[in-house]
Amino acid sequence: MSNFLDSITGPLNKKSCVYFYFWSLFFFIVLVITFITHIIILFKDYKKLSGHHILSAVVILINLFLAYFVNRLFLTMCNKSLA
C-alpha cells in the first residue's frame, strides 16, 4: 500500500518538466500569431478600430505573454530543482 501511495503522490522525475516546455512553446506560438494578426488588422482597418478594440487586443497580448512567461518560469524551476 505504501508503494502505491508513493507512486501517486511521490516526487516526479525530470521528464515531467516537458509539460511546462510544451505549454510555454504553445503559448509563445499563439502569442506570435496573435501579435501578427493584430498588427495586420491594425494596418488594414485602422479607421474602423475603436479604443475598445485596441485595449482588448493589448489585454489579450499581455495575458498570452504572462501565460508564456509563467510556464517558462515553471520550466526553469522544474529543471533546476530536479537537476
N, C-alpha and C. Protein backbone atom coordinates (compact mmCIF):
# COMPACT_ATOMS: atom_id res chain seq x y z
N MET A 1 0.82 -1.19 0.00
CA MET A 1 0.00 0.00 0.00
C MET A 1 0.87 1.26 0.00
N SER A 2 1.98 1.22 0.73
CA SER A 2 2.87 2.36 0.81
C SER A 2 3.49 2.67 -0.56
N ASN A 3 3.87 1.64 -1.30
CA ASN A 3 4.45 1.84 -2.63
C ASN A 3 3.43 2.46 -3.58
N PHE A 4 2.19 2.05 -3.44
CA PHE A 4 1.13 2.60 -4.30
C PHE A 4 0.95 4.09 -4.03
N LEU A 5 0.90 4.47 -2.75
CA LEU A 5 0.74 5.88 -2.41
C LEU A 5 1.97 6.70 -2.81
N ASP A 6 3.14 6.13 -2.68
CA ASP A 6 4.35 6.83 -3.11
C ASP A 6 4.37 7.05 -4.62
N SER A 7 3.85 6.11 -5.36
CA SER A 7 3.83 6.26 -6.82
C SER A 7 2.82 7.33 -7.26
N ILE A 8 1.77 7.54 -6.47
CA ILE A 8 0.77 8.56 -6.81
C ILE A 8 1.17 9.94 -6.32
N THR A 9 1.69 10.02 -5.11
CA THR A 9 1.97 11.32 -4.50
C THR A 9 3.45 11.64 -4.37
N GLY A 10 4.30 10.74 -4.77
CA GLY A 10 5.73 10.95 -4.63
C GLY A 10 6.26 11.95 -5.64
N PRO A 11 7.53 12.30 -5.52
CA PRO A 11 8.13 13.28 -6.44
C PRO A 11 8.20 12.74 -7.87
N LEU A 12 8.13 13.65 -8.79
CA LEU A 12 8.21 13.30 -10.21
C LEU A 12 9.65 13.37 -10.67
N ASN A 13 9.93 12.74 -11.79
CA ASN A 13 11.28 12.80 -12.33
C ASN A 13 11.40 13.99 -13.29
N LYS A 14 12.61 14.18 -13.81
CA LYS A 14 12.88 15.34 -14.66
C LYS A 14 12.11 15.32 -15.97
N LYS A 15 11.69 14.14 -16.41
CA LYS A 15 10.93 14.04 -17.66
C LYS A 15 9.59 14.78 -17.57
N SER A 16 9.08 14.94 -16.38
CA SER A 16 7.80 15.64 -16.22
C SER A 16 7.92 17.13 -16.48
N CYS A 17 9.13 17.67 -16.55
CA CYS A 17 9.33 19.09 -16.86
C CYS A 17 8.95 19.40 -18.31
N VAL A 18 8.87 18.38 -19.13
CA VAL A 18 8.48 18.57 -20.54
C VAL A 18 7.08 19.19 -20.65
N TYR A 19 6.25 18.92 -19.66
CA TYR A 19 4.91 19.51 -19.62
C TYR A 19 4.98 21.03 -19.73
N PHE A 20 5.85 21.65 -18.94
CA PHE A 20 5.98 23.10 -18.98
C PHE A 20 6.64 23.58 -20.27
N TYR A 21 7.52 22.77 -20.82
CA TYR A 21 8.15 23.12 -22.09
C TYR A 21 7.11 23.22 -23.21
N PHE A 22 6.22 22.24 -23.31
CA PHE A 22 5.21 22.26 -24.35
C PHE A 22 4.23 23.41 -24.17
N TRP A 23 3.82 23.69 -22.92
CA TRP A 23 2.90 24.80 -22.69
C TRP A 23 3.55 26.14 -22.99
N SER A 24 4.82 26.32 -22.63
CA SER A 24 5.48 27.58 -22.95
C SER A 24 5.65 27.73 -24.45
N LEU A 25 5.97 26.65 -25.14
CA LEU A 25 6.08 26.69 -26.59
C LEU A 25 4.73 27.01 -27.23
N PHE A 26 3.68 26.37 -26.75
CA PHE A 26 2.33 26.62 -27.26
C PHE A 26 1.93 28.08 -27.09
N PHE A 27 2.12 28.61 -25.88
CA PHE A 27 1.73 30.00 -25.64
C PHE A 27 2.59 30.98 -26.41
N PHE A 28 3.86 30.67 -26.64
CA PHE A 28 4.70 31.54 -27.44
C PHE A 28 4.22 31.59 -28.89
N ILE A 29 3.89 30.43 -29.44
CA ILE A 29 3.39 30.39 -30.83
C ILE A 29 2.07 31.14 -30.95
N VAL A 30 1.17 30.94 -29.99
CA VAL A 30 -0.11 31.65 -30.01
C VAL A 30 0.11 33.16 -29.85
N LEU A 31 1.05 33.55 -29.00
CA LEU A 31 1.37 34.96 -28.82
C LEU A 31 1.86 35.59 -30.12
N VAL A 32 2.77 34.92 -30.81
CA VAL A 32 3.31 35.45 -32.06
C VAL A 32 2.21 35.55 -33.12
N ILE A 33 1.40 34.52 -33.26
CA ILE A 33 0.32 34.53 -34.25
C ILE A 33 -0.68 35.64 -33.93
N THR A 34 -1.03 35.79 -32.66
CA THR A 34 -1.98 36.82 -32.27
C THR A 34 -1.40 38.21 -32.50
N PHE A 35 -0.12 38.39 -32.18
CA PHE A 35 0.53 39.68 -32.40
C PHE A 35 0.53 40.04 -33.89
N ILE A 36 0.91 39.11 -34.73
CA ILE A 36 0.94 39.37 -36.18
C ILE A 36 -0.46 39.65 -36.70
N THR A 37 -1.44 38.90 -36.23
CA THR A 37 -2.83 39.12 -36.65
C THR A 37 -3.31 40.50 -36.26
N HIS A 38 -3.01 40.93 -35.05
CA HIS A 38 -3.45 42.26 -34.62
C HIS A 38 -2.72 43.38 -35.35
N ILE A 39 -1.47 43.17 -35.70
CA ILE A 39 -0.74 44.18 -36.49
C ILE A 39 -1.36 44.29 -37.88
N ILE A 40 -1.68 43.16 -38.48
CA ILE A 40 -2.32 43.19 -39.81
C ILE A 40 -3.67 43.89 -39.74
N ILE A 41 -4.46 43.57 -38.73
CA ILE A 41 -5.77 44.23 -38.57
C ILE A 41 -5.59 45.72 -38.32
N LEU A 42 -4.57 46.08 -37.54
CA LEU A 42 -4.34 47.49 -37.24
C LEU A 42 -4.02 48.28 -38.50
N PHE A 43 -3.17 47.74 -39.37
CA PHE A 43 -2.82 48.46 -40.59
C PHE A 43 -3.89 48.37 -41.67
N LYS A 44 -4.65 47.31 -41.66
CA LYS A 44 -5.67 47.11 -42.69
C LYS A 44 -6.93 47.94 -42.40
N ASP A 45 -7.41 47.89 -41.17
CA ASP A 45 -8.67 48.55 -40.81
C ASP A 45 -8.48 49.55 -39.68
N TYR A 46 -7.44 50.35 -39.74
CA TYR A 46 -7.15 51.25 -38.63
C TYR A 46 -8.23 52.32 -38.43
N LYS A 47 -8.96 52.68 -39.48
CA LYS A 47 -10.01 53.69 -39.35
C LYS A 47 -11.25 53.14 -38.66
N LYS A 48 -11.48 51.84 -38.76
CA LYS A 48 -12.66 51.21 -38.15
C LYS A 48 -12.43 50.85 -36.69
N LEU A 49 -11.19 50.83 -36.25
CA LEU A 49 -10.89 50.39 -34.89
C LEU A 49 -11.21 51.49 -33.88
N SER A 50 -11.79 51.07 -32.79
CA SER A 50 -12.04 52.00 -31.69
C SER A 50 -11.03 51.74 -30.58
N GLY A 51 -11.06 52.59 -29.57
CA GLY A 51 -10.18 52.41 -28.44
C GLY A 51 -10.43 51.10 -27.72
N HIS A 52 -11.68 50.67 -27.73
CA HIS A 52 -12.05 49.41 -27.08
C HIS A 52 -11.38 48.22 -27.76
N HIS A 53 -11.33 48.23 -29.08
CA HIS A 53 -10.70 47.14 -29.82
C HIS A 53 -9.20 47.09 -29.53
N ILE A 54 -8.57 48.25 -29.49
CA ILE A 54 -7.14 48.29 -29.24
C ILE A 54 -6.84 47.85 -27.81
N LEU A 55 -7.65 48.31 -26.86
CA LEU A 55 -7.45 47.91 -25.47
C LEU A 55 -7.62 46.41 -25.28
N SER A 56 -8.63 45.84 -25.91
CA SER A 56 -8.83 44.39 -25.78
C SER A 56 -7.69 43.62 -26.43
N ALA A 57 -7.14 44.11 -27.53
CA ALA A 57 -6.01 43.45 -28.17
C ALA A 57 -4.78 43.49 -27.26
N VAL A 58 -4.57 44.62 -26.61
CA VAL A 58 -3.43 44.74 -25.69
C VAL A 58 -3.60 43.80 -24.49
N VAL A 59 -4.81 43.71 -23.96
CA VAL A 59 -5.08 42.83 -22.83
C VAL A 59 -4.85 41.36 -23.23
N ILE A 60 -5.30 40.98 -24.41
CA ILE A 60 -5.09 39.61 -24.89
C ILE A 60 -3.60 39.32 -25.03
N LEU A 61 -2.84 40.25 -25.60
CA LEU A 61 -1.41 40.04 -25.76
C LEU A 61 -0.69 39.96 -24.42
N ILE A 62 -1.10 40.78 -23.46
CA ILE A 62 -0.49 40.73 -22.13
C ILE A 62 -0.79 39.39 -21.47
N ASN A 63 -2.02 38.92 -21.58
CA ASN A 63 -2.38 37.63 -20.98
C ASN A 63 -1.60 36.48 -21.62
N LEU A 64 -1.45 36.50 -22.93
CA LEU A 64 -0.69 35.45 -23.60
C LEU A 64 0.78 35.50 -23.20
N PHE A 65 1.33 36.72 -23.09
CA PHE A 65 2.72 36.84 -22.67
C PHE A 65 2.91 36.31 -21.25
N LEU A 66 1.99 36.64 -20.36
CA LEU A 66 2.08 36.16 -18.98
C LEU A 66 1.97 34.63 -18.91
N ALA A 67 1.09 34.06 -19.72
CA ALA A 67 0.96 32.60 -19.75
C ALA A 67 2.26 31.96 -20.24
N TYR A 68 2.85 32.55 -21.27
CA TYR A 68 4.14 32.05 -21.77
C TYR A 68 5.22 32.19 -20.70
N PHE A 69 5.30 33.37 -20.08
CA PHE A 69 6.34 33.64 -19.11
C PHE A 69 6.22 32.74 -17.88
N VAL A 70 5.01 32.55 -17.38
CA VAL A 70 4.81 31.71 -16.19
C VAL A 70 5.20 30.27 -16.48
N ASN A 71 4.83 29.75 -17.63
CA ASN A 71 5.21 28.38 -17.97
C ASN A 71 6.71 28.25 -18.20
N ARG A 72 7.33 29.28 -18.75
CA ARG A 72 8.78 29.25 -18.92
C ARG A 72 9.47 29.32 -17.56
N LEU A 73 8.92 30.10 -16.66
CA LEU A 73 9.46 30.18 -15.31
C LEU A 73 9.32 28.84 -14.58
N PHE A 74 8.17 28.22 -14.71
CA PHE A 74 7.96 26.90 -14.11
C PHE A 74 8.92 25.86 -14.71
N LEU A 75 9.15 25.95 -16.01
CA LEU A 75 10.10 25.03 -16.65
C LEU A 75 11.49 25.20 -16.06
N THR A 76 11.93 26.43 -15.90
CA THR A 76 13.23 26.70 -15.32
C THR A 76 13.31 26.18 -13.88
N MET A 77 12.25 26.45 -13.10
CA MET A 77 12.22 25.98 -11.72
C MET A 77 12.24 24.45 -11.66
N CYS A 78 11.50 23.82 -12.53
CA CYS A 78 11.43 22.36 -12.56
C CYS A 78 12.79 21.78 -12.91
N ASN A 79 13.42 22.33 -13.95
CA ASN A 79 14.72 21.81 -14.36
C ASN A 79 15.80 22.03 -13.29
N LYS A 80 15.78 23.18 -12.65
CA LYS A 80 16.80 23.48 -11.63
C LYS A 80 16.58 22.65 -10.36
N SER A 81 15.33 22.42 -10.00
CA SER A 81 15.07 21.68 -8.76
C SER A 81 15.30 20.18 -8.92
N LEU A 82 15.16 19.67 -10.13
CA LEU A 82 15.34 18.24 -10.35
C LEU A 82 16.68 17.89 -10.98
N ALA A 83 17.56 18.86 -11.05
CA ALA A 83 18.88 18.63 -11.68
C ALA A 83 19.73 17.68 -10.88
